Amino acid sequence: MTTATIEQRLSEPEGKQLEFKRDLSSPKPLMKTLVAFANTAGGQLIIGVDDDGTVLGVDDPLDMEERLTSMIADAIHPRLLPNIELVSVGEHTLVCIEVFLSSARPHFFKALGEESGVLVRLGSSNRQAGLALIQEMQRQASGTTFDVQPMPELSRDDLDQNAIQQAFRSEQLLDDNKLRTLRLIVSYQGRLVPSVGGVLLFGRERQWHFEDAWIQCGRFRGNDKVEIFDQTDIHAPLPQAVDDIELFLKKHAFKQAEFGAMRRRDVWSIPLTILREAIINALVHSDYSQRGSPIRIAFYDDRIEIESPGLLMPGMTIEDMKRGVSMIRNPVIARVFRELGLIEQWGSGVKRIFAEAAAQGLPEPRIEEVANRLRFIVPLEQLHAGQGVTQSRPESRPESRPESRPESGLADRILQCLADRPLGKAEIAKSFGHKGVSGQLKRQMTWLQNQQLIEMTLPEKPNSRLQQYRLTAKGQRFLQDTFKDPT
């Protein structure tokens, strides 16, 4: 390590890949840090430096180097072979231990035992890894991934073919070759079975197998979680969940009219482009092998937080993410999202988020690793009327009711029928006890579309046999206002 390099490191704060120690008086924390570095993203531990960065040096660097070599060999398993270097800074000598991400991970600190001694680096601290994280390390070290694994107890029929067709906008069933190319099904002992990724994406009973594979959305008053005034749980297939989450966020945002070059355009009070990328990133890179909590979207007055299970992939840092470095945790999910046009290019999403924020003059988003979860924080700009911007009514408030509502009873029943999930015309008619789709029903459906209260799920194929209809955000608000509890 050159003098310039060590001086640069000494000017940096302790973090995921850097820690300072005064001396060897407390060897256990030092050993834990080396284990955590090896299991997470590598790092440098520099001895002879106080916590505030003051260079103290070590008294007998050659003796310390020899002691460290022996201590590391005795305290860590599997065996760890870091680089130990003596570096001069002015009149002082420091001992620098450099650890690289290990292909033999997970390593553990023998004094804590194999179950409790596996540690990972979280910010500037070391944390004990749980069983799910240890298993994830073992898979990654062996070159396998969770979502490619077969689910031998299931069959092809356990995938929701209608959901697959709707996602790919196909009028025909995807054949086995296409499903195998996407690795939604894989070969296992001579037969085709769904992969973990296939079930996570399109499983008929996804939550039976992965109980935390859903999204919890909440809108809070103020800037903390003291008071929540709206929430929804999203259990839709992951590709559809992107739009459902966005719909929830829009519900609690508002549009404003922006004037420029004699033209008006409507813009949202929240950065939808940035949020959509962050949502997709969470859905694609979540560690679905973890149990305990779903993906969470929390909307506060001053920010939106998108929190997903799983720390960064081994070897990755937050700065790597900002630069566009990408490591794929779930290749099956990522491949499908790319096929559907939800991902443009590997690793470009996070980099595009920061570029978009800078281009719009918005506060820079923040990324944090918190207790085995990754949190993406999007600060919200404080908007004010004036300077060419006219603020309109918040979207979370019900709009005025549409005029000229012929046969309002039937229209209201259609809206109520679509409140829970999208349906086709035949399904709507059947729910009313009708044998077929009447002309009256068709007229009401057309009127509701013209009023932008409902929309097609396949707008580019209006006559498709797979066509369904769903409530728009406006339709949801109108329905809530019409049938709200008068008390």
Protein backbone atom coordinates (compact mmCIF):
# COMPACT_ATOMS: atom_id res chain seq x y z
CA MET A 1 0.00 0.00 0.00
CA THR A 2 1.46 3.37 -1.00
CA THR A 3 1.71 6.37 1.34
CA ALA A 4 -0.89 8.21 -0.74
CA THR A 5 -3.30 5.27 -0.46
CA ILE A 6 -2.96 4.89 3.30
CA GLU A 7 -3.39 8.64 3.83
CA GLN A 8 -6.55 8.53 1.76
CA ARG A 9 -7.91 5.63 3.83
CA LEU A 10 -7.07 7.44 7.07
CA SER A 11 -9.16 10.41 5.92
CA GLU A 12 -12.23 8.21 5.41
CA PRO A 13 -14.76 7.29 8.10
CA GLU A 14 -15.11 3.70 9.28
CA GLY A 15 -17.63 1.79 7.22
CA LYS A 16 -18.47 -1.41 5.46
CA GLN A 17 -14.92 -1.95 4.17
CA LEU A 18 -12.82 -0.03 6.68
CA GLU A 19 -12.11 -0.22 10.42
CA PHE A 20 -9.45 1.24 12.72
CA LYS A 21 -7.97 -0.34 15.86
CA ARG A 22 -5.58 1.20 18.42
CA ASP A 23 -3.78 -2.03 19.25
CA LEU A 24 -4.20 -5.77 19.91
CA SER A 25 -5.45 -5.39 23.48
CA SER A 26 -8.91 -6.68 22.42
CA PRO A 27 -8.30 -9.34 19.76
CA LYS A 28 -11.85 -10.77 19.68
CA PRO A 29 -13.52 -7.73 18.02
CA LEU A 30 -10.65 -7.64 15.54
CA MET A 31 -11.18 -11.30 14.59
CA LYS A 32 -14.93 -10.72 14.23
CA THR A 33 -14.27 -7.86 11.83
CA LEU A 34 -12.01 -10.00 9.66
CA VAL A 35 -14.70 -12.72 9.50
CA ALA A 36 -17.33 -10.13 8.57
CA PHE A 37 -15.11 -8.63 5.85
CA ALA A 38 -14.47 -12.08 4.34
CA ASN A 39 -18.20 -12.91 4.30
CA THR A 40 -19.48 -9.59 2.98
CA ALA A 41 -17.41 -7.43 0.63
CA GLY A 42 -13.81 -7.53 1.80
CA GLY A 43 -12.15 -4.64 3.61
CA GLN A 44 -9.13 -3.20 5.37
CA LEU A 45 -8.47 -3.19 9.11
CA ILE A 46 -5.73 -0.75 10.10
CA ILE A 47 -4.04 -1.13 13.51
CA GLY A 48 -2.34 1.83 15.16
CA VAL A 49 -5.12 4.36 14.57
CA ASP A 50 -7.52 5.81 17.14
CA ASP A 51 -11.28 5.86 16.51
CA ASP A 52 -11.11 9.56 15.60
CA GLY A 53 -8.47 8.87 12.93
CA THR A 54 -5.45 9.99 14.97
CA VAL A 55 -2.35 8.04 13.93
CA LEU A 56 -0.73 6.41 16.99
CA GLY A 57 1.39 3.72 15.37
CA VAL A 58 2.37 0.36 16.90
CA ASP A 59 5.39 -0.30 19.14
CA ASP A 60 6.70 -3.53 17.64
CA PRO A 61 5.16 -4.02 14.17
CA LEU A 62 7.15 -7.18 13.30
CA ASP A 63 6.04 -8.90 16.49
CA MET A 64 2.43 -7.82 15.89
CA GLU A 65 2.53 -9.16 12.34
CA GLU A 66 3.66 -12.56 13.61
CA ARG A 67 1.06 -12.62 16.41
CA LEU A 68 -1.72 -11.70 13.96
CA THR A 69 -0.80 -14.50 11.60
CA SER A 70 -1.02 -17.02 14.40
CA MET A 71 -4.22 -15.60 15.90
CA ILE A 72 -6.06 -15.56 12.54
CA ALA A 73 -5.08 -19.17 11.84
CA ASP A 74 -6.33 -20.29 15.27
CA ALA A 75 -9.50 -18.19 15.50
CA ILE A 76 -11.18 -18.37 12.07
CA HIS A 77 -12.55 -21.28 10.05
CA PRO A 78 -12.34 -22.08 7.18
CA ARG A 79 -8.79 -20.83 7.10
CA LEU A 80 -8.43 -17.20 6.13
CA LEU A 81 -5.29 -15.85 4.43
CA PRO A 82 -5.41 -12.04 4.45
CA ASN A 83 -2.64 -9.73 3.30
CA ILE A 84 -0.79 -8.23 6.28
CA GLU A 85 1.37 -5.22 5.46
CA LEU A 86 3.48 -2.76 7.48
CA VAL A 87 2.96 0.83 6.34
CA SER A 88 4.83 3.95 7.42
CA VAL A 89 2.98 7.21 8.03
CA GLY A 90 5.41 9.91 9.06
CA GLU A 91 7.31 8.61 12.08
CA HIS A 92 4.71 5.94 12.83
CA THR A 93 4.28 2.38 11.53
CA LEU A 94 0.83 0.91 11.02
CA VAL A 95 -0.26 -2.67 10.44
CA CYS A 96 -2.79 -3.01 7.62
CA ILE A 97 -4.77 -6.24 7.24
CA GLU A 98 -6.53 -6.52 3.89
CA VAL A 99 -9.25 -9.16 3.49
CA PHE A 100 -10.92 -10.04 0.20
CA LEU A 101 -14.38 -11.49 -0.32
CA SER A 102 -13.74 -15.18 0.23
CA SER A 103 -14.78 -17.99 -2.08
CA ALA A 104 -14.68 -20.30 0.98
CA ARG A 105 -17.43 -18.37 2.80
CA PRO A 106 -19.15 -18.52 5.13
CA HIS A 107 -16.28 -18.13 7.59
CA PHE A 108 -16.99 -18.19 11.31
CA PHE A 109 -15.27 -17.11 14.52
CA LYS A 110 -14.45 -20.34 16.34
CA ALA A 111 -14.98 -18.87 19.82
CA LEU A 112 -18.68 -18.36 19.00
CA GLY A 113 -19.16 -21.70 17.27
CA GLU A 114 -20.27 -22.57 13.74
CA GLU A 115 -23.92 -21.54 14.26
CA SER A 116 -23.36 -18.22 16.04
CA GLY A 117 -19.94 -17.24 14.72
CA VAL A 118 -20.85 -16.37 11.12
CA LEU A 119 -20.72 -12.58 10.92
CA VAL A 120 -21.46 -10.03 8.21
CA ARG A 121 -20.61 -6.38 7.88
CA LEU A 122 -23.48 -3.91 8.21
CA GLY A 123 -22.27 -0.34 7.92
CA SER A 124 -19.43 0.03 10.41
CA SER A 125 -20.58 -2.81 12.67
CA ASN A 126 -20.51 -6.61 12.62
CA ARG A 127 -23.76 -8.59 12.84
CA GLN A 128 -24.49 -12.25 13.38
CA ALA A 129 -25.87 -13.93 10.26
CA GLY A 130 -29.08 -15.94 10.54
CA LEU A 131 -29.66 -19.36 8.98
CA ALA A 132 -31.25 -17.98 5.80
CA LEU A 133 -28.32 -15.65 5.20
CA ILE A 134 -25.81 -18.43 5.85
CA GLN A 135 -27.58 -20.64 3.31
CA GLU A 136 -27.57 -17.75 0.83
CA MET A 137 -23.79 -17.39 1.29
CA GLN A 138 -23.32 -21.09 0.68
CA ARG A 139 -25.36 -20.95 -2.53
CA GLN A 140 -23.49 -17.90 -3.81
CA ALA A 141 -20.10 -19.40 -3.00
CA SER A 142 -21.06 -22.56 -4.91
CA GLY A 143 -22.35 -20.58 -7.90
CA THR A 144 -26.05 -21.45 -7.48
CA THR A 145 -29.01 -19.15 -6.91
CA PHE A 146 -32.21 -19.54 -4.94
CA ASP A 147 -34.73 -18.78 -7.67
CA VAL A 148 -33.27 -21.26 -10.17
CA GLN A 149 -33.75 -24.20 -7.82
CA PRO A 150 -36.46 -26.75 -8.75
CA MET A 151 -39.59 -27.32 -6.71
CA PRO A 152 -39.97 -31.08 -7.23
CA GLU A 153 -43.18 -31.38 -5.21
CA LEU A 154 -44.99 -29.21 -7.79
CA SER A 155 -45.97 -29.60 -11.45
CA ARG A 156 -46.31 -27.30 -14.44
CA ASP A 157 -49.99 -26.86 -13.56
CA ASP A 158 -49.00 -25.05 -10.38
CA LEU A 159 -48.05 -22.05 -12.51
CA ASP A 160 -50.90 -19.64 -13.33
CA GLN A 161 -51.05 -19.80 -17.12
CA ASN A 162 -53.51 -16.91 -17.35
CA ALA A 163 -51.19 -14.66 -15.33
CA ILE A 164 -48.27 -15.64 -17.61
CA GLN A 165 -50.32 -14.90 -20.74
CA GLN A 166 -51.45 -11.55 -19.42
CA ALA A 167 -47.91 -10.57 -18.44
CA PHE A 168 -46.54 -11.48 -21.88
CA ARG A 169 -49.68 -10.22 -23.66
CA SER A 170 -50.02 -13.50 -25.45
CA GLU A 171 -53.30 -14.99 -26.68
CA GLN A 172 -51.79 -18.49 -26.64
CA LEU A 173 -50.28 -20.58 -23.89
CA LEU A 174 -46.50 -20.35 -23.71
CA ASP A 175 -45.11 -23.75 -24.66
CA ASP A 176 -42.61 -25.73 -22.61
CA ASN A 177 -39.66 -24.55 -24.69
CA LYS A 178 -40.44 -20.91 -23.94
CA LEU A 179 -41.06 -21.64 -20.25
CA ARG A 180 -37.76 -23.53 -20.06
CA THR A 181 -35.92 -20.69 -21.82
CA LEU A 182 -37.27 -18.34 -19.18
CA ARG A 183 -36.45 -20.99 -16.54
CA LEU A 184 -39.96 -20.78 -15.17
CA ILE A 185 -39.82 -24.57 -15.39
CA VAL A 186 -36.67 -26.69 -15.07
CA SER A 187 -35.80 -30.34 -15.52
CA TYR A 188 -35.70 -32.48 -12.39
CA GLN A 189 -35.13 -36.24 -12.50
CA GLY A 190 -36.52 -36.55 -16.00
CA ARG A 191 -39.60 -34.36 -15.60
CA LEU A 192 -40.40 -30.66 -15.81
CA VAL A 193 -41.22 -28.84 -12.58
CA PRO A 194 -41.56 -25.16 -11.66
CA SER A 195 -38.48 -23.31 -10.49
CA VAL A 196 -38.53 -21.22 -7.34
CA GLY A 197 -38.49 -18.13 -9.58
CA GLY A 198 -41.40 -19.48 -11.61
CA VAL A 199 -43.51 -19.88 -8.48
CA LEU A 200 -42.44 -16.50 -7.08
CA LEU A 201 -43.48 -14.85 -10.35
CA PHE A 202 -46.57 -16.79 -11.38
CA GLY A 203 -47.34 -19.48 -8.80
CA ARG A 204 -51.03 -20.18 -8.24
CA GLU A 205 -50.38 -20.46 -4.50
CA ARG A 206 -47.22 -18.40 -4.26
CA GLN A 207 -47.77 -17.36 -0.66
CA TRP A 208 -48.39 -20.91 0.48
CA HIS A 209 -44.80 -21.68 -0.51
CA PHE A 210 -43.30 -18.22 0.14
CA GLU A 211 -45.43 -16.56 2.77
CA ASP A 212 -43.54 -13.26 2.67
CA ALA A 213 -43.56 -12.83 -1.12
CA TRP A 214 -45.99 -9.91 -1.14
CA ILE A 215 -45.90 -6.14 -0.77
CA GLN A 216 -47.22 -4.05 2.12
CA CYS A 217 -47.98 -0.40 1.33
CA GLY A 218 -48.82 2.30 3.87
CA ARG A 219 -49.44 6.05 3.86
CA PHE A 220 -48.51 7.77 7.13
CA ARG A 221 -49.35 11.21 8.44
CA GLY A 222 -46.24 13.24 9.15
CA ASN A 223 -42.69 11.91 8.98
CA ASP A 224 -42.88 8.84 11.22
CA LYS A 225 -44.96 5.69 11.70
CA VAL A 226 -47.10 6.98 14.54
CA GLU A 227 -50.30 7.40 12.49
CA ILE A 228 -51.25 5.48 9.37
CA PHE A 229 -54.37 6.52 7.46
CA ASP A 230 -54.30 4.17 4.48
CA GLN A 231 -52.73 0.82 3.71
CA THR A 232 -53.04 -2.00 1.22
CA ASP A 233 -51.54 -5.45 0.79
CA ILE A 234 -50.53 -6.41 -2.76
CA HIS A 235 -50.54 -10.11 -3.59
CA ALA A 236 -50.57 -9.83 -7.40
CA PRO A 237 -47.92 -11.60 -9.54
CA LEU A 238 -44.67 -9.66 -9.26
CA PRO A 239 -44.78 -8.04 -12.75
CA GLN A 240 -48.30 -6.74 -12.11
CA ALA A 241 -47.31 -5.60 -8.62
CA VAL A 242 -45.20 -2.83 -10.18
CA ASP A 243 -48.33 -1.10 -11.50
CA ASP A 244 -50.33 -1.84 -8.36
CA ILE A 245 -47.70 -0.20 -6.14
CA GLU A 246 -47.52 2.79 -8.46
CA LEU A 247 -51.32 3.08 -8.33
CA PHE A 248 -51.20 3.21 -4.53
CA LEU A 249 -48.54 5.93 -4.58
CA LYS A 250 -50.52 7.97 -7.11
CA LYS A 251 -53.58 7.66 -4.92
CA HIS A 252 -51.81 9.71 -2.27
CA ALA A 253 -50.01 12.15 -4.55
CA PHE A 254 -51.42 14.97 -6.59
CA LYS A 255 -51.03 16.39 -10.05
CA GLN A 256 -49.99 19.91 -10.81
CA ALA A 257 -50.15 21.87 -14.03
CA GLU A 258 -46.81 23.05 -15.32
CA PHE A 259 -46.67 25.74 -18.00
CA GLY A 260 -43.80 26.21 -20.38
CA ALA A 261 -43.45 27.35 -24.01
CA MET A 262 -47.19 28.18 -24.01
CA ARG A 263 -48.05 24.56 -23.31
CA ARG A 264 -49.45 22.84 -20.26
CA ARG A 265 -48.49 19.42 -18.99
CA ASP A 266 -49.53 17.56 -15.87
CA VAL A 267 -46.76 16.40 -13.55
CA TRP A 268 -46.99 14.41 -10.33
CA SER A 269 -45.96 15.69 -6.93
CA ILE A 270 -43.79 12.58 -6.48
CA PRO A 271 -40.97 11.45 -8.81
CA LEU A 272 -42.73 8.49 -10.41
CA THR A 273 -39.86 7.58 -12.75
CA ILE A 274 -37.44 7.32 -9.82
CA LEU A 275 -39.93 5.43 -7.66
CA ARG A 276 -40.78 2.95 -10.42
CA GLU A 277 -37.11 2.07 -10.87
CA ALA A 278 -36.68 1.66 -7.10
CA ILE A 279 -39.77 -0.56 -6.90
CA ILE A 280 -38.54 -2.77 -9.74
CA ASN A 281 -35.11 -2.99 -8.10
CA ALA A 282 -36.72 -4.17 -4.85
CA LEU A 283 -38.90 -6.80 -6.55
CA VAL A 284 -36.02 -8.18 -8.63
CA HIS A 285 -33.30 -8.19 -5.97
CA SER A 286 -35.18 -9.14 -2.79
CA ASP A 287 -33.91 -12.19 -0.93
CA TYR A 288 -37.08 -14.30 -1.03
CA SER A 289 -35.38 -17.08 0.93
CA GLN A 290 -35.67 -14.93 4.05
CA ARG A 291 -38.70 -15.28 6.28
CA GLY A 292 -40.26 -12.72 8.57
CA SER A 293 -41.49 -9.73 6.59
CA PRO A 294 -42.57 -8.72 3.08
CA ILE A 295 -41.39 -5.89 0.87
CA ARG A 296 -42.62 -2.65 2.43
CA ILE A 297 -43.48 0.70 0.82
CA ALA A 298 -43.91 3.52 3.36
CA PHE A 299 -45.16 6.91 2.12
CA TYR A 300 -44.45 9.80 4.54
CA ASP A 301 -44.94 13.53 4.09
CA ASP A 302 -41.24 14.09 3.37
CA ARG A 303 -40.11 10.82 1.80
CA ILE A 304 -41.00 7.40 0.42
CA GLU A 305 -39.13 4.36 1.73
CA ILE A 306 -38.91 1.10 -0.23
CA GLU A 307 -37.60 -1.68 1.99
CA SER A 308 -36.84 -5.21 0.81
CA PRO A 309 -35.44 -8.36 2.47
CA GLY A 310 -31.77 -9.11 1.96
CA LEU A 311 -28.49 -7.23 2.27
CA LEU A 312 -26.40 -6.30 -0.74
CA MET A 313 -24.88 -9.19 -2.64
CA PRO A 314 -21.43 -10.27 -1.38
CA GLY A 315 -18.76 -8.03 -2.82
CA MET A 316 -21.21 -5.20 -3.47
CA THR A 317 -21.26 -1.80 -1.81
CA ILE A 318 -23.70 1.08 -2.01
CA GLU A 319 -21.16 3.07 -4.02
CA ASP A 320 -20.96 0.16 -6.49
CA MET A 321 -24.74 0.35 -6.92
CA LYS A 322 -24.59 4.07 -7.65
CA ARG A 323 -21.95 3.47 -10.32
CA GLY A 324 -24.17 0.92 -12.06
CA VAL A 325 -22.37 -2.23 -10.91
CA SER A 326 -24.89 -5.06 -10.86
CA MET A 327 -24.98 -8.54 -9.37
CA ILE A 328 -28.13 -10.53 -10.00
CA ARG A 329 -29.57 -12.31 -6.95
CA ASN A 330 -32.62 -13.70 -8.81
CA PRO A 331 -31.72 -14.42 -12.45
CA VAL A 332 -35.12 -15.99 -13.26
CA ILE A 333 -37.06 -12.98 -11.99
CA ALA A 334 -34.60 -10.56 -13.61
CA ARG A 335 -34.85 -12.37 -16.97
CA VAL A 336 -38.66 -12.22 -16.98
CA PHE A 337 -38.68 -8.54 -15.98
CA ARG A 338 -36.28 -7.81 -18.83
CA GLU A 339 -38.40 -9.77 -21.31
CA LEU A 340 -41.40 -7.71 -20.21
CA GLY A 341 -39.51 -4.45 -20.74
CA LEU A 342 -39.45 -3.59 -17.03
CA ILE A 343 -35.65 -3.72 -17.02
CA GLU A 344 -33.77 -2.04 -19.87
CA GLN A 345 -30.17 -3.03 -19.13
CA TRP A 346 -28.47 -4.89 -16.29
CA GLY A 347 -27.36 -2.52 -13.56
CA SER A 348 -28.74 0.62 -15.20
CA GLY A 349 -31.74 1.10 -12.90
CA VAL A 350 -30.03 2.46 -9.77
CA LYS A 351 -27.60 4.56 -11.77
CA ARG A 352 -30.55 6.00 -13.71
CA ILE A 353 -32.33 6.83 -10.42
CA PHE A 354 -29.48 9.05 -9.25
CA ALA A 355 -29.04 10.61 -12.70
CA GLU A 356 -32.76 11.41 -12.88
CA ALA A 357 -32.75 12.99 -9.41
CA ALA A 358 -29.79 15.17 -10.37
CA ALA A 359 -31.40 16.15 -13.70
CA GLN A 360 -34.62 17.21 -11.92
CA GLY A 361 -32.76 19.05 -9.18
CA LEU A 362 -34.24 16.73 -6.55
CA PRO A 363 -32.57 15.68 -3.28
CA GLU A 364 -30.33 12.65 -3.79
CA PRO A 365 -31.95 9.33 -2.81
CA ARG A 366 -30.31 7.32 -0.03
CA ILE A 367 -29.59 3.60 0.26
CA GLU A 368 -29.16 1.92 3.64
CA GLU A 369 -28.55 -1.61 4.87
CA VAL A 370 -30.70 -2.10 7.96
CA ALA A 371 -31.00 -5.40 9.88
CA ASN A 372 -30.73 -7.79 6.92
CA ARG A 373 -32.84 -5.50 4.74
CA LEU A 374 -32.09 -2.92 2.07
CA ARG A 375 -33.87 0.44 2.36
CA PHE A 376 -34.17 2.85 -0.56
CA ILE A 377 -35.20 6.35 0.57
CA VAL A 378 -36.59 8.84 -1.95
CA PRO A 379 -36.89 12.34 -0.41
CA LEU A 380 -39.89 14.33 -1.58
CA GLU A 381 -39.49 17.88 -2.78
CA GLN A 382 -41.55 20.48 -0.94
CA LEU A 383 -43.87 21.83 -3.64
CA HIS A 384 -45.36 25.29 -3.60
CA ALA A 385 -47.82 27.00 -5.88
CA GLY A 386 -46.57 29.86 -8.03
CA GLN A 387 -43.70 30.43 -10.48
CA GLY A 388 -45.65 28.97 -13.36
CA VAL A 389 -47.03 26.03 -11.38
CA THR A 390 -50.69 25.72 -10.44
CA GLN A 391 -51.36 23.17 -7.73
CA SER A 392 -54.54 21.13 -8.08
CA ARG A 393 -56.53 19.08 -5.59
CA PRO A 394 -54.59 16.16 -3.99
CA GLU A 395 -55.26 12.93 -5.82
CA SER A 396 -56.10 11.19 -2.54
CA ARG A 397 -59.31 13.23 -2.31
CA PRO A 398 -62.41 12.09 -4.18
CA GLU A 399 -63.06 13.96 -7.39
CA SER A 400 -66.43 15.38 -8.28
CA ARG A 401 -68.80 12.79 -9.62
CA PRO A 402 -69.16 12.41 -13.39
CA GLU A 403 -72.15 14.05 -14.96
CA SER A 404 -74.79 12.37 -17.12
CA ARG A 405 -74.72 9.01 -15.40
CA PRO A 406 -77.32 6.90 -17.23
CA GLU A 407 -78.46 3.75 -15.44
CA SER A 408 -76.25 4.63 -12.48
CA GLY A 409 -77.36 1.56 -10.55
CA LEU A 410 -75.77 -0.81 -13.06
CA ALA A 411 -72.66 1.36 -13.38
CA ASP A 412 -72.21 1.34 -9.60
CA ARG A 413 -72.64 -2.44 -9.49
CA ILE A 414 -69.95 -2.86 -12.17
CA LEU A 415 -67.55 -0.68 -10.18
CA GLN A 416 -68.26 -2.65 -7.02
CA CYS A 417 -67.73 -5.91 -8.92
CA LEU A 418 -64.25 -4.72 -10.02
CA ALA A 419 -63.27 -3.48 -6.56
CA ASP A 420 -61.37 -6.64 -5.64
CA ARG A 421 -59.76 -7.75 -8.90
CA PRO A 422 -59.85 -7.36 -12.71
CA LEU A 423 -62.62 -9.29 -14.51
CA GLY A 424 -63.79 -9.94 -18.05
CA LYS A 425 -67.23 -8.91 -19.29
CA ALA A 426 -68.51 -12.48 -19.11
CA GLU A 427 -67.36 -12.81 -15.50
CA ILE A 428 -69.07 -9.54 -14.60
CA ALA A 429 -72.31 -10.67 -16.26
CA LYS A 430 -72.12 -14.01 -14.46
CA SER A 431 -71.68 -12.29 -11.10
CA PHE A 432 -74.97 -10.46 -11.80
CA GLY A 433 -76.72 -13.76 -12.52
CA HIS A 434 -76.90 -13.09 -16.29
CA LYS A 435 -76.37 -15.87 -18.80
CA GLY A 436 -74.56 -13.64 -21.28
CA VAL A 437 -73.19 -10.15 -21.86
CA SER A 438 -76.14 -7.87 -22.62
CA GLY A 439 -76.09 -4.75 -24.76
CA GLN A 440 -76.95 -2.74 -21.66
CA LEU A 441 -73.86 -4.07 -19.87
CA LYS A 442 -71.68 -3.28 -22.89
CA ARG A 443 -73.00 0.30 -23.02
CA GLN A 444 -72.30 0.81 -19.33
CA MET A 445 -68.78 -0.62 -19.69
CA THR A 446 -68.10 1.77 -22.59
CA TRP A 447 -69.46 4.71 -20.60
CA LEU A 448 -67.30 3.83 -17.61
CA GLN A 449 -64.23 3.66 -19.86
CA ASN A 450 -65.06 7.05 -21.39
CA GLN A 451 -65.33 8.47 -17.88
CA GLN A 452 -61.87 6.95 -17.13
CA LEU A 453 -63.32 5.02 -14.20
CA ILE A 454 -62.27 1.63 -15.60
CA GLU A 455 -59.64 0.55 -18.11
CA MET A 456 -58.64 -2.49 -20.15
CA THR A 457 -55.85 -4.73 -18.91
CA LEU A 458 -54.85 -5.33 -22.56
CA PRO A 459 -55.53 -1.96 -24.22
CA GLU A 460 -53.48 -2.80 -27.30
CA LYS A 461 -55.71 -5.85 -27.94
CA PRO A 462 -59.26 -4.64 -27.24
CA ASN A 463 -60.89 -7.74 -28.75
CA SER A 464 -58.67 -10.32 -27.07
CA ARG A 465 -60.45 -13.22 -25.37
CA LEU A 466 -58.15 -12.56 -22.40
CA GLN A 467 -59.35 -8.96 -22.06
CA GLN A 468 -60.27 -7.89 -18.55
CA TYR A 469 -61.22 -4.60 -16.94
CA ARG A 470 -60.01 -2.97 -13.76
CA LEU A 471 -60.67 0.18 -11.78
CA THR A 472 -58.52 3.20 -12.50
CA ALA A 473 -57.27 5.37 -9.65
CA LYS A 474 -60.13 7.73 -10.45
CA GLY A 475 -62.58 4.83 -10.32
CA GLN A 476 -61.29 3.71 -6.94
CA ARG A 477 -61.69 7.20 -5.51
CA PHE A 478 -65.17 7.57 -6.98
CA LEU A 479 -66.23 4.20 -5.57
CA GLN A 480 -64.89 5.08 -2.12
CA ASP A 481 -66.69 8.43 -2.19
CA THR A 482 -69.99 6.99 -3.41
CA PHE A 483 -70.18 4.17 -0.89
CA LYS A 484 -68.33 5.66 2.06
CA ASP A 485 -69.77 5.16 5.52
CA PRO A 486 -71.90 8.23 6.32
CA THR A 487 -70.83 8.02 9.97
